[in-house]
Amino acid sequence: MLSEGDFRDLPDDTPLILSKDAEGNGYSPVSGATLAMYVAETTWSGETYPPDSVIDASDVYGDEDRAPEGAVLVIEFSPVN
């Protein structure tokens, strides 16, 4: 597992690549990242929700969009493909 120190000396334009699965059956560059609340449904997948700060500042989201209890704050990466 990598730590923060492993990234410190990398160039700012170093690409971040996502693996399709644990076996390495495909890869995609990251197109973006956002903060989200995550609830695991199984050991390998789950659902994300907007953070409360986004909901509170939004005219689009409401209380029904809040993450259930037990959700954790994560960085959600979106792949290009």
Protein backbone atom coordinates (compact mmCIF):
# COMPACT_ATOMS: atom_id res chain seq x y z
CA MET A 1 0.00 0.00 0.00
CA LEU A 2 1.29 3.45 -0.89
CA SER A 3 1.50 6.30 1.58
CA GLU A 4 1.45 10.08 1.17
CA GLY A 5 5.25 10.11 1.09
CA ASP A 6 5.25 7.93 -2.03
CA PHE A 7 3.44 10.69 -3.95
CA ARG A 8 5.29 13.72 -2.59
CA ASP A 9 8.11 13.76 -5.17
CA LEU A 10 6.05 12.87 -8.25
CA PRO A 11 5.55 15.55 -10.92
CA ASP A 12 2.20 17.39 -10.64
CA ASP A 13 1.15 16.09 -14.06
CA THR A 14 1.63 12.39 -13.19
CA PRO A 15 -1.47 10.58 -14.53
CA LEU A 16 -3.75 8.72 -12.13
CA ILE A 17 -4.97 5.45 -13.65
CA LEU A 18 -7.82 3.27 -12.36
CA SER A 19 -7.83 -0.50 -12.67
CA LYS A 20 -11.06 -2.05 -13.96
CA ASP A 21 -10.79 -4.88 -11.42
CA ALA A 22 -8.40 -6.54 -8.99
CA GLU A 23 -7.02 -8.80 -11.71
CA GLY A 24 -5.93 -5.87 -13.90
CA ASN A 25 -8.25 -6.63 -16.82
CA GLY A 26 -8.31 -3.05 -18.03
CA TYR A 27 -7.32 0.47 -17.09
CA SER A 28 -8.68 3.98 -17.53
CA PRO A 29 -7.30 7.43 -16.75
CA VAL A 30 -9.12 9.45 -14.12
CA SER A 31 -11.28 12.21 -15.59
CA GLY A 32 -12.08 13.86 -12.27
CA ALA A 33 -12.49 13.52 -8.53
CA THR A 34 -15.01 14.75 -6.01
CA LEU A 35 -15.78 14.36 -2.32
CA ALA A 36 -18.64 11.99 -1.59
CA MET A 37 -20.20 9.99 1.22
CA TYR A 38 -19.86 6.22 0.73
CA VAL A 39 -21.88 3.32 2.09
CA ALA A 40 -20.56 -0.17 1.35
CA GLU A 41 -23.29 -2.60 0.30
CA THR A 42 -20.86 -5.51 -0.07
CA THR A 43 -17.11 -5.94 0.34
CA TRP A 44 -16.66 -4.87 -3.31
CA SER A 45 -19.32 -2.24 -4.05
CA GLY A 46 -21.55 0.41 -2.55
CA GLU A 47 -23.36 3.70 -3.10
CA THR A 48 -22.21 7.32 -2.95
CA TYR A 49 -24.11 10.39 -1.84
CA PRO A 50 -23.35 14.11 -1.83
CA PRO A 51 -21.65 15.38 1.33
CA ASP A 52 -23.89 17.33 3.72
CA SER A 53 -21.99 20.53 2.92
CA VAL A 54 -22.97 20.19 -0.76
CA ILE A 55 -26.60 19.46 0.11
CA ASP A 56 -26.77 22.41 2.52
CA ALA A 57 -25.44 24.83 -0.14
CA SER A 58 -27.61 23.47 -2.96
CA ASP A 59 -31.01 24.35 -4.38
CA VAL A 60 -31.07 20.98 -6.18
CA TYR A 61 -30.46 18.52 -3.34
CA GLY A 62 -32.75 18.02 -0.36
CA ASP A 63 -32.78 16.05 2.88
CA GLU A 64 -33.85 12.93 0.99
CA ASP A 65 -30.44 12.98 -0.75
CA ARG A 66 -28.43 12.74 2.48
CA ALA A 67 -26.29 9.69 3.09
CA PRO A 68 -27.55 7.13 5.56
CA GLU A 69 -25.98 6.84 9.00
CA GLY A 70 -22.62 5.09 8.87
CA ALA A 71 -21.52 6.65 5.58
CA VAL A 72 -17.89 7.74 5.40
CA LEU A 73 -16.31 10.66 3.56
CA VAL A 74 -14.28 9.51 0.54
CA ILE A 75 -12.61 10.83 -2.60
CA GLU A 76 -14.59 9.49 -5.55
CA PHE A 77 -12.58 9.12 -8.77
CA SER A 78 -14.39 9.06 -12.12
CA PRO A 79 -12.79 7.17 -15.03
CA VAL A 80 -12.58 8.47 -18.59
CA ASN A 81 -13.96 5.14 -19.91
